[in-house]
N, C-alpha and C. Protein backbone atom coordinates (compact mmCIF):
# COMPACT_ATOMS: atom_id res chain seq x y z
N PRO A 1 0.83 -1.20 0.00
CA PRO A 1 0.00 0.00 0.00
C PRO A 1 0.87 1.26 0.00
N PRO A 2 0.29 2.38 -0.33
CA PRO A 2 1.06 3.61 -0.36
C PRO A 2 1.39 4.17 1.03
N ILE A 3 1.02 3.48 2.08
CA ILE A 3 1.25 3.94 3.45
C ILE A 3 2.16 2.92 4.15
N PRO A 4 3.43 3.26 4.37
CA PRO A 4 4.40 2.30 4.93
C PRO A 4 3.97 1.65 6.24
N ALA A 5 3.25 2.35 7.10
CA ALA A 5 2.85 1.78 8.39
C ALA A 5 1.95 0.56 8.23
N LEU A 6 1.33 0.40 7.08
CA LEU A 6 0.44 -0.73 6.85
C LEU A 6 1.17 -1.97 6.33
N ASN A 7 2.42 -1.81 6.01
CA ASN A 7 3.20 -2.94 5.51
C ASN A 7 4.65 -2.83 6.02
N PRO A 8 4.83 -2.92 7.34
CA PRO A 8 6.14 -2.63 7.93
C PRO A 8 7.25 -3.60 7.55
N LEU A 9 6.93 -4.81 7.12
CA LEU A 9 7.97 -5.76 6.79
C LEU A 9 8.51 -5.59 5.38
N TRP A 10 7.75 -4.87 4.54
CA TRP A 10 8.14 -4.72 3.14
C TRP A 10 7.94 -3.28 2.66
N SER A 11 8.41 -2.31 3.40
CA SER A 11 8.32 -0.90 2.98
C SER A 11 9.43 -0.11 3.65
N ASP A 12 9.61 1.12 3.21
CA ASP A 12 10.65 1.99 3.79
C ASP A 12 12.02 1.31 3.85
N GLY A 13 12.35 0.59 2.80
CA GLY A 13 13.65 -0.07 2.76
C GLY A 13 13.68 -1.44 3.43
N ASN A 14 12.60 -1.85 4.06
CA ASN A 14 12.54 -3.18 4.67
C ASN A 14 12.18 -4.20 3.60
N ASP A 15 12.80 -5.36 3.66
CA ASP A 15 12.51 -6.43 2.73
C ASP A 15 12.71 -7.76 3.46
N TRP A 16 11.71 -8.07 4.33
CA TRP A 16 11.82 -9.29 5.11
C TRP A 16 11.90 -10.48 4.17
N LEU A 17 12.82 -11.39 4.47
CA LEU A 17 12.97 -12.62 3.70
C LEU A 17 12.91 -13.81 4.64
N PRO A 18 12.37 -14.92 4.17
CA PRO A 18 12.17 -16.09 5.03
C PRO A 18 13.43 -16.93 5.23
N ASP A 19 14.47 -16.31 5.75
CA ASP A 19 15.70 -17.04 6.04
C ASP A 19 15.69 -17.56 7.48
N PRO A 20 16.33 -18.68 7.75
CA PRO A 20 16.44 -19.16 9.14
C PRO A 20 17.04 -18.07 10.03
N GLY A 21 16.45 -17.89 11.19
CA GLY A 21 16.90 -16.86 12.11
C GLY A 21 16.26 -15.51 11.86
N ASN A 22 15.45 -15.42 10.82
CA ASN A 22 14.80 -14.17 10.46
C ASN A 22 13.31 -14.16 10.86
N GLU A 23 12.92 -15.12 11.68
CA GLU A 23 11.53 -15.20 12.12
C GLU A 23 11.18 -13.96 12.95
N ARG A 24 9.94 -13.56 12.92
CA ARG A 24 9.49 -12.34 13.61
C ARG A 24 8.78 -12.63 14.93
N TRP A 25 8.10 -13.75 15.05
CA TRP A 25 7.32 -14.04 16.24
C TRP A 25 7.63 -15.45 16.73
N ASP A 26 7.72 -15.62 18.04
CA ASP A 26 8.06 -16.90 18.66
C ASP A 26 6.78 -17.59 19.13
N LEU A 27 6.41 -18.68 18.47
CA LEU A 27 5.19 -19.39 18.84
C LEU A 27 5.31 -20.08 20.19
N ALA A 28 6.50 -20.50 20.57
CA ALA A 28 6.67 -21.14 21.88
C ALA A 28 6.39 -20.15 23.00
N ALA A 29 6.79 -18.91 22.82
CA ALA A 29 6.55 -17.87 23.83
C ALA A 29 5.12 -17.35 23.81
N ARG A 30 4.44 -17.57 22.69
CA ARG A 30 3.07 -17.07 22.52
C ARG A 30 2.19 -18.18 21.95
N PRO A 31 1.90 -19.20 22.73
CA PRO A 31 1.18 -20.37 22.21
C PRO A 31 -0.25 -20.09 21.77
N ASP A 32 -0.84 -18.98 22.23
CA ASP A 32 -2.23 -18.66 21.86
C ASP A 32 -2.31 -17.67 20.71
N MET A 33 -1.20 -17.41 20.05
CA MET A 33 -1.13 -16.40 18.99
C MET A 33 -2.16 -16.68 17.89
N VAL A 34 -2.76 -15.58 17.41
CA VAL A 34 -3.67 -15.66 16.27
C VAL A 34 -3.26 -14.58 15.25
N VAL A 35 -3.55 -14.88 14.00
CA VAL A 35 -3.36 -13.92 12.92
C VAL A 35 -4.75 -13.56 12.44
N GLU A 36 -5.04 -12.28 12.44
CA GLU A 36 -6.33 -11.78 11.98
C GLU A 36 -6.21 -11.37 10.51
N GLU A 37 -7.04 -11.95 9.67
CA GLU A 37 -7.10 -11.58 8.27
C GLU A 37 -8.40 -10.80 8.05
N THR A 38 -8.26 -9.55 7.62
CA THR A 38 -9.44 -8.72 7.32
C THR A 38 -9.45 -8.44 5.83
N GLU A 39 -10.56 -8.78 5.19
CA GLU A 39 -10.72 -8.51 3.77
C GLU A 39 -11.83 -7.48 3.59
N ILE A 40 -11.51 -6.43 2.86
CA ILE A 40 -12.50 -5.40 2.54
C ILE A 40 -12.66 -5.37 1.03
N ALA A 41 -13.87 -5.55 0.56
CA ALA A 41 -14.20 -5.42 -0.87
C ALA A 41 -14.77 -4.01 -1.06
N MET A 42 -14.29 -3.33 -2.08
CA MET A 42 -14.69 -1.94 -2.30
C MET A 42 -15.29 -1.73 -3.67
N ARG A 43 -16.04 -0.66 -3.77
CA ARG A 43 -16.55 -0.24 -5.07
C ARG A 43 -15.38 0.22 -5.93
N PRO A 44 -15.55 0.23 -7.27
CA PRO A 44 -14.49 0.79 -8.11
C PRO A 44 -14.14 2.20 -7.64
N GLY A 45 -12.86 2.47 -7.50
CA GLY A 45 -12.39 3.75 -6.99
C GLY A 45 -12.32 3.81 -5.47
N GLY A 46 -12.82 2.77 -4.82
CA GLY A 46 -12.86 2.76 -3.36
C GLY A 46 -11.50 2.69 -2.69
N LEU A 47 -10.54 2.06 -3.35
CA LEU A 47 -9.21 2.01 -2.76
C LEU A 47 -8.61 3.40 -2.58
N LEU A 48 -8.84 4.28 -3.54
CA LEU A 48 -8.33 5.64 -3.41
C LEU A 48 -8.98 6.35 -2.22
N VAL A 49 -10.27 6.16 -2.06
CA VAL A 49 -10.98 6.73 -0.91
C VAL A 49 -10.40 6.16 0.38
N PHE A 50 -10.18 4.85 0.39
CA PHE A 50 -9.64 4.18 1.57
C PHE A 50 -8.27 4.73 1.95
N TRP A 51 -7.36 4.83 0.96
CA TRP A 51 -6.00 5.33 1.26
C TRP A 51 -6.04 6.77 1.76
N GLN A 52 -6.86 7.60 1.16
CA GLN A 52 -6.96 8.99 1.61
C GLN A 52 -7.48 9.07 3.03
N ALA A 53 -8.52 8.29 3.32
CA ALA A 53 -9.07 8.28 4.69
C ALA A 53 -8.05 7.71 5.67
N MET A 54 -7.31 6.72 5.26
CA MET A 54 -6.30 6.13 6.14
C MET A 54 -5.22 7.16 6.47
N GLU A 55 -4.78 7.92 5.49
CA GLU A 55 -3.74 8.92 5.73
C GLU A 55 -4.22 10.04 6.65
N THR A 56 -5.48 10.47 6.50
CA THR A 56 -5.96 11.62 7.27
C THR A 56 -6.40 11.25 8.69
N ILE A 57 -7.07 10.11 8.87
CA ILE A 57 -7.59 9.77 10.20
C ILE A 57 -7.41 8.30 10.56
N GLY A 58 -7.26 7.44 9.55
CA GLY A 58 -7.23 6.01 9.78
C GLY A 58 -6.03 5.51 10.56
N LEU A 59 -4.87 6.13 10.36
CA LEU A 59 -3.68 5.69 11.12
C LEU A 59 -3.90 5.89 12.61
N GLU A 60 -4.51 7.00 12.98
CA GLU A 60 -4.83 7.23 14.39
C GLU A 60 -5.89 6.24 14.85
N ALA A 61 -6.92 6.03 14.03
CA ALA A 61 -8.03 5.16 14.40
C ALA A 61 -7.59 3.71 14.60
N THR A 62 -6.70 3.25 13.75
CA THR A 62 -6.30 1.84 13.80
C THR A 62 -5.02 1.60 14.58
N ALA A 63 -4.49 2.62 15.22
CA ALA A 63 -3.24 2.46 15.98
C ALA A 63 -3.29 1.30 16.98
N PRO A 64 -4.36 1.10 17.75
CA PRO A 64 -4.36 -0.04 18.69
C PRO A 64 -4.30 -1.39 17.99
N LEU A 65 -4.67 -1.45 16.72
CA LEU A 65 -4.68 -2.71 15.98
C LEU A 65 -3.37 -2.98 15.26
N ARG A 66 -2.54 -1.96 15.13
CA ARG A 66 -1.32 -2.10 14.34
C ARG A 66 -0.09 -2.43 15.17
N ASN A 67 -0.26 -2.82 16.43
CA ASN A 67 0.89 -3.15 17.26
C ASN A 67 1.76 -4.20 16.60
N GLN A 68 1.15 -5.17 15.99
CA GLN A 68 1.88 -6.29 15.38
C GLN A 68 1.37 -6.51 13.95
N THR A 69 1.46 -5.49 13.12
CA THR A 69 1.00 -5.63 11.74
C THR A 69 1.94 -6.52 10.95
N LEU A 70 1.38 -7.51 10.31
CA LEU A 70 2.17 -8.36 9.43
C LEU A 70 2.24 -7.70 8.05
N GLY A 71 1.11 -7.31 7.50
CA GLY A 71 1.13 -6.66 6.20
C GLY A 71 -0.26 -6.34 5.68
N THR A 72 -0.29 -5.52 4.66
CA THR A 72 -1.53 -5.12 3.99
C THR A 72 -1.27 -5.19 2.49
N TRP A 73 -2.20 -5.81 1.79
CA TRP A 73 -2.07 -5.91 0.33
C TRP A 73 -3.40 -5.53 -0.30
N PHE A 74 -3.34 -5.14 -1.56
CA PHE A 74 -4.57 -4.81 -2.27
C PHE A 74 -4.50 -5.35 -3.68
N SER A 75 -5.68 -5.46 -4.30
CA SER A 75 -5.76 -5.98 -5.65
C SER A 75 -6.65 -5.08 -6.50
N MET A 76 -6.15 -4.76 -7.66
CA MET A 76 -6.96 -4.02 -8.63
C MET A 76 -7.14 -4.86 -9.89
N THR A 77 -6.66 -6.11 -9.86
CA THR A 77 -6.87 -7.07 -10.94
C THR A 77 -7.29 -8.38 -10.29
N GLY A 78 -7.79 -9.31 -11.08
CA GLY A 78 -8.26 -10.56 -10.49
C GLY A 78 -9.48 -10.29 -9.65
N ARG A 79 -9.39 -10.62 -8.40
CA ARG A 79 -10.50 -10.27 -7.47
C ARG A 79 -10.38 -8.78 -7.20
N LEU A 80 -11.09 -8.01 -7.98
CA LEU A 80 -10.93 -6.56 -8.04
C LEU A 80 -11.26 -5.85 -6.73
N HIS A 81 -10.57 -4.75 -6.53
CA HIS A 81 -10.89 -3.78 -5.49
C HIS A 81 -10.98 -4.41 -4.10
N ARG A 82 -9.99 -5.21 -3.77
CA ARG A 82 -9.92 -5.87 -2.47
C ARG A 82 -8.70 -5.39 -1.72
N MET A 83 -8.83 -5.29 -0.42
CA MET A 83 -7.73 -4.96 0.46
C MET A 83 -7.70 -6.04 1.53
N LEU A 84 -6.53 -6.61 1.76
CA LEU A 84 -6.34 -7.62 2.79
C LEU A 84 -5.33 -7.12 3.80
N ALA A 85 -5.69 -7.16 5.07
CA ALA A 85 -4.78 -6.76 6.14
C ALA A 85 -4.59 -7.96 7.08
N TYR A 86 -3.34 -8.18 7.49
CA TYR A 86 -3.01 -9.26 8.41
C TYR A 86 -2.35 -8.64 9.63
N ARG A 87 -2.90 -8.98 10.81
CA ARG A 87 -2.35 -8.49 12.07
C ARG A 87 -2.14 -9.68 13.01
N VAL A 88 -1.09 -9.61 13.80
CA VAL A 88 -0.74 -10.68 14.72
C VAL A 88 -1.09 -10.22 16.13
N PHE A 89 -1.74 -11.11 16.89
CA PHE A 89 -2.09 -10.83 18.28
C PHE A 89 -1.62 -12.00 19.14
N ASP A 90 -1.21 -11.72 20.36
CA ASP A 90 -0.70 -12.76 21.25
C ASP A 90 -1.77 -13.79 21.61
N SER A 91 -3.06 -13.37 21.57
CA SER A 91 -4.14 -14.27 21.92
C SER A 91 -5.45 -13.69 21.41
N PRO A 92 -6.50 -14.49 21.34
CA PRO A 92 -7.81 -13.95 20.98
C PRO A 92 -8.26 -12.86 21.96
N ALA A 93 -7.92 -13.02 23.23
CA ALA A 93 -8.31 -12.01 24.24
C ALA A 93 -7.62 -10.68 23.97
N GLU A 94 -6.33 -10.73 23.59
CA GLU A 94 -5.63 -9.48 23.26
C GLU A 94 -6.25 -8.83 22.03
N ARG A 95 -6.58 -9.63 21.04
CA ARG A 95 -7.25 -9.12 19.84
C ARG A 95 -8.54 -8.40 20.21
N ASP A 96 -9.37 -9.05 21.02
CA ASP A 96 -10.63 -8.44 21.43
C ASP A 96 -10.40 -7.13 22.17
N ALA A 97 -9.42 -7.09 23.05
CA ALA A 97 -9.12 -5.87 23.81
C ALA A 97 -8.67 -4.74 22.89
N ARG A 98 -7.82 -5.05 21.92
CA ARG A 98 -7.35 -4.03 20.97
C ARG A 98 -8.49 -3.49 20.11
N HIS A 99 -9.39 -4.39 19.68
CA HIS A 99 -10.53 -3.93 18.89
C HIS A 99 -11.48 -3.07 19.73
N ALA A 100 -11.66 -3.43 20.98
CA ALA A 100 -12.51 -2.63 21.86
C ALA A 100 -11.91 -1.24 22.07
N GLU A 101 -10.59 -1.18 22.25
CA GLU A 101 -9.91 0.10 22.41
C GLU A 101 -10.08 0.96 21.16
N ALA A 102 -9.92 0.37 19.99
CA ALA A 102 -10.07 1.12 18.74
C ALA A 102 -11.51 1.58 18.56
N ALA A 103 -12.46 0.72 18.87
CA ALA A 103 -13.88 1.05 18.68
C ALA A 103 -14.34 2.21 19.55
N GLU A 104 -13.69 2.41 20.69
CA GLU A 104 -14.07 3.48 21.61
C GLU A 104 -13.61 4.86 21.15
N SER A 105 -12.72 4.92 20.18
CA SER A 105 -12.15 6.21 19.80
C SER A 105 -13.04 6.96 18.80
N LYS A 106 -13.03 8.26 18.91
CA LYS A 106 -13.73 9.10 17.95
C LYS A 106 -13.10 8.99 16.57
N ALA A 107 -11.80 8.76 16.54
CA ALA A 107 -11.09 8.62 15.27
C ALA A 107 -11.63 7.43 14.48
N MET A 108 -11.93 6.31 15.14
CA MET A 108 -12.43 5.14 14.43
C MET A 108 -13.81 5.42 13.84
N SER A 109 -14.63 6.10 14.58
CA SER A 109 -15.95 6.47 14.06
C SER A 109 -15.83 7.36 12.83
N ALA A 110 -14.94 8.33 12.88
CA ALA A 110 -14.72 9.23 11.74
C ALA A 110 -14.15 8.47 10.55
N PHE A 111 -13.23 7.54 10.79
CA PHE A 111 -12.65 6.75 9.72
C PHE A 111 -13.72 5.88 9.05
N GLU A 112 -14.52 5.20 9.86
CA GLU A 112 -15.59 4.37 9.30
C GLU A 112 -16.58 5.19 8.49
N ASP A 113 -16.90 6.39 8.96
CA ASP A 113 -17.78 7.29 8.20
C ASP A 113 -17.14 7.66 6.87
N ALA A 114 -15.84 7.90 6.87
CA ALA A 114 -15.14 8.33 5.66
C ALA A 114 -15.09 7.24 4.58
N ILE A 115 -15.06 5.97 4.98
CA ILE A 115 -14.94 4.90 3.99
C ILE A 115 -16.28 4.18 3.72
N ARG A 116 -17.31 4.49 4.46
CA ARG A 116 -18.58 3.77 4.39
C ARG A 116 -19.11 3.61 2.96
N ASP A 117 -19.14 4.67 2.19
CA ASP A 117 -19.70 4.60 0.83
C ASP A 117 -18.80 3.84 -0.14
N ALA A 118 -17.54 3.67 0.19
CA ALA A 118 -16.59 2.96 -0.69
C ALA A 118 -16.59 1.45 -0.43
N VAL A 119 -17.06 1.02 0.73
CA VAL A 119 -16.97 -0.39 1.13
C VAL A 119 -18.23 -1.15 0.74
N LEU A 120 -18.02 -2.28 0.05
CA LEU A 120 -19.13 -3.18 -0.27
C LEU A 120 -19.33 -4.22 0.81
N SER A 121 -18.23 -4.79 1.29
CA SER A 121 -18.32 -5.80 2.34
C SER A 121 -16.99 -5.90 3.07
N GLN A 122 -17.06 -6.46 4.27
CA GLN A 122 -15.86 -6.66 5.06
C GLN A 122 -16.07 -7.91 5.89
N HIS A 123 -15.04 -8.75 5.95
CA HIS A 123 -15.12 -9.88 6.86
C HIS A 123 -13.72 -10.18 7.42
N THR A 124 -13.75 -10.83 8.57
CA THR A 124 -12.52 -11.12 9.28
C THR A 124 -12.47 -12.62 9.58
N THR A 125 -11.28 -13.18 9.44
CA THR A 125 -11.03 -14.58 9.76
C THR A 125 -9.84 -14.65 10.71
N LEU A 126 -9.96 -15.46 11.75
CA LEU A 126 -8.83 -15.67 12.66
C LEU A 126 -8.10 -16.95 12.25
N LEU A 127 -6.78 -16.85 12.14
CA LEU A 127 -5.94 -17.95 11.71
C LEU A 127 -4.95 -18.29 12.79
N ARG A 128 -4.55 -19.54 12.84
CA ARG A 128 -3.47 -19.97 13.73
C ARG A 128 -2.26 -20.32 12.88
N PRO A 129 -1.08 -19.82 13.23
CA PRO A 129 0.11 -20.20 12.47
C PRO A 129 0.32 -21.72 12.56
N VAL A 130 0.65 -22.31 11.45
CA VAL A 130 0.88 -23.75 11.38
C VAL A 130 2.28 -24.04 11.92
N PRO A 131 2.42 -24.98 12.86
CA PRO A 131 3.75 -25.27 13.43
C PRO A 131 4.60 -26.14 12.51
N VAL A 132 4.70 -25.74 11.25
CA VAL A 132 5.53 -26.41 10.25
C VAL A 132 6.38 -25.31 9.62
N ALA A 133 7.68 -25.36 9.85
CA ALA A 133 8.58 -24.27 9.45
C ALA A 133 8.41 -23.81 8.01
N PRO A 134 8.37 -24.69 7.01
CA PRO A 134 8.26 -24.20 5.63
C PRO A 134 6.94 -23.48 5.34
N MET A 135 5.91 -23.78 6.14
CA MET A 135 4.61 -23.16 5.92
C MET A 135 4.42 -21.88 6.73
N SER A 136 5.26 -21.64 7.70
CA SER A 136 5.13 -20.49 8.59
C SER A 136 6.50 -19.83 8.83
N PRO A 137 7.14 -19.33 7.80
CA PRO A 137 8.50 -18.82 7.98
C PRO A 137 8.60 -17.55 8.82
N LEU A 138 7.49 -16.87 9.06
CA LEU A 138 7.51 -15.69 9.92
C LEU A 138 7.61 -16.04 11.41
N PHE A 139 7.36 -17.31 11.73
CA PHE A 139 7.22 -17.70 13.13
C PHE A 139 8.30 -18.69 13.53
N ARG A 140 8.91 -18.42 14.69
CA ARG A 140 9.85 -19.35 15.29
C ARG A 140 9.04 -20.43 15.98
N LEU A 141 9.35 -21.67 15.70
CA LEU A 141 8.53 -22.78 16.20
C LEU A 141 9.13 -23.43 17.43
């Protein structure tokens, strides 16, 4: 994305590679870890609205959720006008607490208002890292 904070592992000169010893999160230390996948489908032109809203108010609004951002990607071909965000949380309880903190802010309300007309649908899936090194190179097993 055009906003480096949304893709910290692959922006601003960062280029994370899946080499041994380059893992980012330790599953042994965080056995309840979950990865949150959020997919937002937007109307044509909606990604531009989303990026503008993110730059003006969204970074503040989503700050509690970005503590452990894995990455954000978008598509303007194939499955058109989609944005996928992946965030890592130590546990489902931590995820819930971070979302509650974000939801209480006036910034989140303003951000949601700013993107409402651009968004067609949004859904979230919670994933568990697979304890198989080749399938989960971001995680120390």
